[in-house]
Amino acid sequence: MDLRTIPANGLTADPTLPQRGTPMMRAAAEFERMVLGQLLRDLTAGTLPGDAATSPFASLLQDAYAAAIADRSDLGIAESLLARLGGTGGGR
C-alpha cells in the first residue's frame, strides 16, 4: 500500500469547529491516530510470522501507518469528536 497516493485533505473546513492549531483539534487528531493505530493492530494480529508479530518495530510501523492515514485522509473521527463535545473545551 502506497500511502503517498492518499490525498491530503486537511482536518476540518467547518467554521463552527476549532481551528487546526488549537489544543482541542490537536487532541482530537491524536485520538484519531490512536484509534487507527489500534484498528491496524487488531487487523494485522496473527498475520506477521514468528517473532515479527511481537517485535517493537511492528507497533512502530502500525503507528506510522496510522499517522499517515489520519494526516492524509478525512475519516471524520476527529471532527465527530469535536462536534460531540460542542467544539469547546469539553472538560471541566
N, C-alpha and C. Protein backbone atom coordinates (compact mmCIF):
# COMPACT_ATOMS: atom_id res chain seq x y z
N MET A 1 0.84 -1.17 0.00
CA MET A 1 0.00 0.00 0.00
C MET A 1 0.89 1.24 0.00
N ASP A 2 0.69 2.10 -0.96
CA ASP A 2 1.48 3.32 -1.08
C ASP A 2 0.67 4.49 -0.51
N LEU A 3 1.06 4.95 0.67
CA LEU A 3 0.31 6.00 1.36
C LEU A 3 0.46 7.35 0.70
N ARG A 4 1.42 7.50 -0.20
CA ARG A 4 1.58 8.77 -0.89
C ARG A 4 0.44 9.02 -1.87
N THR A 5 -0.32 7.98 -2.21
CA THR A 5 -1.42 8.15 -3.16
C THR A 5 -2.71 8.60 -2.49
N ILE A 6 -2.73 8.61 -1.17
CA ILE A 6 -3.92 9.07 -0.44
C ILE A 6 -3.90 10.59 -0.44
N PRO A 7 -4.97 11.26 -0.90
CA PRO A 7 -4.96 12.72 -0.96
C PRO A 7 -4.91 13.35 0.42
N ALA A 8 -4.20 14.45 0.52
CA ALA A 8 -4.13 15.20 1.78
C ALA A 8 -5.28 16.19 1.81
N ASN A 9 -6.24 15.97 2.70
CA ASN A 9 -7.44 16.79 2.75
C ASN A 9 -7.44 17.82 3.86
N GLY A 10 -6.59 17.71 4.84
CA GLY A 10 -6.67 18.59 5.98
C GLY A 10 -7.67 18.04 6.98
N LEU A 11 -7.74 18.67 8.15
CA LEU A 11 -8.56 18.12 9.20
C LEU A 11 -9.99 18.65 9.22
N THR A 12 -10.16 19.92 8.98
CA THR A 12 -11.52 20.43 9.08
C THR A 12 -11.71 21.68 8.23
N ALA A 13 -12.90 21.80 7.68
CA ALA A 13 -13.27 23.02 6.96
C ALA A 13 -14.50 23.64 7.60
N ASP A 14 -15.02 23.05 8.64
CA ASP A 14 -16.22 23.51 9.32
C ASP A 14 -15.86 24.69 10.23
N PRO A 15 -16.39 25.88 9.96
CA PRO A 15 -16.02 27.05 10.77
C PRO A 15 -16.54 26.99 12.20
N THR A 16 -17.49 26.11 12.51
CA THR A 16 -18.00 26.01 13.87
C THR A 16 -17.10 25.17 14.76
N LEU A 17 -16.19 24.41 14.15
CA LEU A 17 -15.26 23.60 14.93
C LEU A 17 -13.97 24.38 15.17
N PRO A 18 -13.21 24.00 16.20
CA PRO A 18 -11.96 24.71 16.47
C PRO A 18 -11.00 24.62 15.28
N GLN A 19 -10.16 25.62 15.15
CA GLN A 19 -9.20 25.65 14.06
C GLN A 19 -8.13 24.59 14.27
N ARG A 20 -7.42 24.29 13.20
CA ARG A 20 -6.46 23.20 13.17
C ARG A 20 -5.40 23.28 14.27
N GLY A 21 -4.91 24.43 14.61
CA GLY A 21 -3.81 24.54 15.56
C GLY A 21 -4.23 24.61 17.02
N THR A 22 -5.51 24.57 17.31
CA THR A 22 -5.95 24.69 18.70
C THR A 22 -5.67 23.40 19.46
N PRO A 23 -5.51 23.49 20.78
CA PRO A 23 -5.26 22.29 21.56
C PRO A 23 -6.37 21.23 21.41
N MET A 24 -7.63 21.67 21.31
CA MET A 24 -8.73 20.71 21.15
C MET A 24 -8.59 19.94 19.83
N MET A 25 -8.28 20.65 18.77
CA MET A 25 -8.16 20.00 17.46
C MET A 25 -6.95 19.06 17.44
N ARG A 26 -5.86 19.48 18.04
CA ARG A 26 -4.67 18.61 18.09
C ARG A 26 -4.97 17.36 18.90
N ALA A 27 -5.68 17.50 20.02
CA ALA A 27 -6.02 16.34 20.84
C ALA A 27 -6.98 15.41 20.09
N ALA A 28 -7.94 15.97 19.38
CA ALA A 28 -8.88 15.14 18.62
C ALA A 28 -8.15 14.42 17.48
N ALA A 29 -7.21 15.09 16.83
CA ALA A 29 -6.44 14.46 15.76
C ALA A 29 -5.56 13.34 16.31
N GLU A 30 -4.99 13.54 17.48
CA GLU A 30 -4.17 12.50 18.11
C GLU A 30 -5.04 11.31 18.51
N PHE A 31 -6.24 11.57 18.99
CA PHE A 31 -7.17 10.48 19.32
C PHE A 31 -7.49 9.68 18.06
N GLU A 32 -7.70 10.37 16.94
CA GLU A 32 -7.98 9.69 15.68
C GLU A 32 -6.81 8.79 15.29
N ARG A 33 -5.59 9.28 15.47
CA ARG A 33 -4.41 8.45 15.17
C ARG A 33 -4.35 7.22 16.08
N MET A 34 -4.69 7.40 17.36
CA MET A 34 -4.67 6.28 18.30
C MET A 34 -5.71 5.23 17.92
N VAL A 35 -6.89 5.67 17.54
CA VAL A 35 -7.95 4.74 17.12
C VAL A 35 -7.50 3.96 15.89
N LEU A 36 -6.92 4.66 14.92
CA LEU A 36 -6.43 3.98 13.72
C LEU A 36 -5.31 3.01 14.03
N GLY A 37 -4.41 3.40 14.94
CA GLY A 37 -3.32 2.51 15.34
C GLY A 37 -3.83 1.23 15.96
N GLN A 38 -4.82 1.35 16.83
CA GLN A 38 -5.40 0.16 17.45
C GLN A 38 -6.13 -0.70 16.43
N LEU A 39 -6.82 -0.06 15.51
CA LEU A 39 -7.50 -0.79 14.45
C LEU A 39 -6.50 -1.57 13.60
N LEU A 40 -5.39 -0.92 13.25
CA LEU A 40 -4.37 -1.62 12.46
C LEU A 40 -3.75 -2.77 13.23
N ARG A 41 -3.54 -2.61 14.54
CA ARG A 41 -3.01 -3.71 15.35
C ARG A 41 -3.97 -4.89 15.35
N ASP A 42 -5.25 -4.60 15.52
CA ASP A 42 -6.25 -5.67 15.54
C ASP A 42 -6.37 -6.35 14.18
N LEU A 43 -6.30 -5.57 13.11
CA LEU A 43 -6.43 -6.13 11.77
C LEU A 43 -5.23 -6.97 11.37
N THR A 44 -4.05 -6.64 11.88
CA THR A 44 -2.85 -7.36 11.50
C THR A 44 -2.43 -8.42 12.52
N ALA A 45 -3.21 -8.58 13.59
CA ALA A 45 -2.87 -9.58 14.61
C ALA A 45 -2.84 -10.97 13.98
N GLY A 46 -1.73 -11.65 14.18
CA GLY A 46 -1.60 -13.01 13.67
C GLY A 46 -1.18 -13.10 12.22
N THR A 47 -0.97 -11.98 11.56
CA THR A 47 -0.58 -12.03 10.15
C THR A 47 0.92 -11.99 9.96
N LEU A 48 1.66 -11.56 10.98
CA LEU A 48 3.12 -11.50 10.87
C LEU A 48 3.72 -12.81 11.38
N PRO A 49 4.69 -13.34 10.67
CA PRO A 49 5.27 -14.63 11.06
C PRO A 49 6.20 -14.51 12.27
N GLY A 50 6.19 -15.50 13.12
CA GLY A 50 7.14 -15.66 14.22
C GLY A 50 7.31 -14.46 15.11
N ASP A 51 8.57 -14.10 15.34
CA ASP A 51 8.90 -13.01 16.27
C ASP A 51 8.55 -11.64 15.71
N ALA A 52 8.28 -11.54 14.42
CA ALA A 52 7.95 -10.24 13.83
C ALA A 52 6.67 -9.68 14.43
N ALA A 53 5.76 -10.54 14.83
CA ALA A 53 4.48 -10.08 15.39
C ALA A 53 4.66 -9.41 16.74
N THR A 54 5.65 -9.85 17.52
CA THR A 54 5.86 -9.27 18.85
C THR A 54 6.99 -8.25 18.87
N SER A 55 7.58 -8.01 17.74
CA SER A 55 8.67 -7.04 17.65
C SER A 55 8.17 -5.64 17.99
N PRO A 56 8.99 -4.87 18.72
CA PRO A 56 8.57 -3.49 19.00
C PRO A 56 8.47 -2.66 17.73
N PHE A 57 9.18 -3.10 16.69
CA PHE A 57 9.13 -2.37 15.43
C PHE A 57 7.80 -2.55 14.71
N ALA A 58 7.10 -3.63 14.98
CA ALA A 58 5.79 -3.85 14.35
C ALA A 58 4.81 -2.78 14.81
N SER A 59 4.79 -2.46 16.09
CA SER A 59 3.87 -1.44 16.58
C SER A 59 4.28 -0.05 16.10
N LEU A 60 5.59 0.18 15.95
CA LEU A 60 6.04 1.47 15.42
C LEU A 60 5.59 1.65 13.98
N LEU A 61 5.66 0.58 13.20
CA LEU A 61 5.21 0.64 11.81
C LEU A 61 3.71 0.89 11.74
N GLN A 62 2.95 0.21 12.59
CA GLN A 62 1.49 0.41 12.61
C GLN A 62 1.15 1.83 13.03
N ASP A 63 1.88 2.38 13.98
CA ASP A 63 1.64 3.77 14.40
C ASP A 63 1.99 4.75 13.28
N ALA A 64 3.06 4.46 12.54
CA ALA A 64 3.43 5.33 11.42
C ALA A 64 2.37 5.28 10.32
N TYR A 65 1.86 4.08 10.04
CA TYR A 65 0.78 3.96 9.06
C TYR A 65 -0.47 4.71 9.52
N ALA A 66 -0.79 4.58 10.80
CA ALA A 66 -1.98 5.25 11.35
C ALA A 66 -1.83 6.77 11.23
N ALA A 67 -0.66 7.30 11.55
CA ALA A 67 -0.43 8.74 11.45
C ALA A 67 -0.54 9.21 10.00
N ALA A 68 0.03 8.43 9.08
CA ALA A 68 -0.03 8.81 7.66
C ALA A 68 -1.46 8.78 7.14
N ILE A 69 -2.21 7.76 7.52
CA ILE A 69 -3.61 7.67 7.07
C ILE A 69 -4.43 8.81 7.66
N ALA A 70 -4.26 9.09 8.95
CA ALA A 70 -5.03 10.15 9.60
C ALA A 70 -4.69 11.52 9.02
N ASP A 71 -3.40 11.74 8.71
CA ASP A 71 -2.98 13.04 8.18
C ASP A 71 -3.39 13.24 6.73
N ARG A 72 -3.54 12.16 5.98
CA ARG A 72 -3.79 12.28 4.54
C ARG A 72 -5.22 11.95 4.13
N SER A 73 -6.08 11.69 5.08
CA SER A 73 -7.45 11.37 4.71
C SER A 73 -8.42 12.11 5.62
N ASP A 74 -9.66 12.11 5.23
CA ASP A 74 -10.69 12.80 6.00
C ASP A 74 -11.66 11.75 6.53
N LEU A 75 -11.25 11.05 7.58
CA LEU A 75 -12.08 10.00 8.14
C LEU A 75 -13.23 10.55 8.97
N GLY A 76 -13.04 11.71 9.54
CA GLY A 76 -14.10 12.36 10.29
C GLY A 76 -14.17 12.00 11.77
N ILE A 77 -13.24 11.19 12.24
CA ILE A 77 -13.27 10.80 13.66
C ILE A 77 -13.01 12.03 14.54
N ALA A 78 -11.98 12.81 14.20
CA ALA A 78 -11.65 14.00 14.99
C ALA A 78 -12.79 15.01 14.95
N GLU A 79 -13.35 15.23 13.76
CA GLU A 79 -14.44 16.19 13.62
C GLU A 79 -15.68 15.74 14.39
N SER A 80 -15.99 14.46 14.34
CA SER A 80 -17.14 13.93 15.08
C SER A 80 -16.95 14.10 16.58
N LEU A 81 -15.74 13.84 17.05
CA LEU A 81 -15.45 14.01 18.47
C LEU A 81 -15.62 15.46 18.89
N LEU A 82 -15.08 16.38 18.09
CA LEU A 82 -15.21 17.80 18.41
C LEU A 82 -16.66 18.26 18.36
N ALA A 83 -17.40 17.79 17.36
CA ALA A 83 -18.81 18.17 17.26
C ALA A 83 -19.59 17.64 18.46
N ARG A 84 -19.29 16.43 18.89
CA ARG A 84 -19.99 15.84 20.03
C ARG A 84 -19.68 16.58 21.33
N LEU A 85 -18.43 17.07 21.42
CA LEU A 85 -18.04 17.82 22.61
C LEU A 85 -18.49 19.28 22.52
N GLY A 86 -19.07 19.66 21.41
CA GLY A 86 -19.56 21.01 21.24
C GLY A 86 -18.51 21.98 20.77
N GLY A 87 -17.32 21.46 20.38
CA GLY A 87 -16.28 22.33 19.87
C GLY A 87 -15.70 23.26 20.91
N THR A 88 -15.96 22.98 22.18
CA THR A 88 -15.44 23.82 23.26
C THR A 88 -14.39 23.06 24.02
N GLY A 89 -14.03 23.55 25.18
CA GLY A 89 -13.04 22.89 26.00
C GLY A 89 -13.42 21.49 26.38
N GLY A 90 -14.71 21.19 26.46
CA GLY A 90 -15.17 19.84 26.74
C GLY A 90 -15.04 19.41 28.19
N GLY A 91 -13.88 19.60 28.79
CA GLY A 91 -13.67 19.15 30.15
C GLY A 91 -13.95 20.25 31.17
N ARG A 92 -14.12 19.84 32.38
CA ARG A 92 -14.37 20.81 33.47
C ARG A 92 -13.40 20.58 34.58
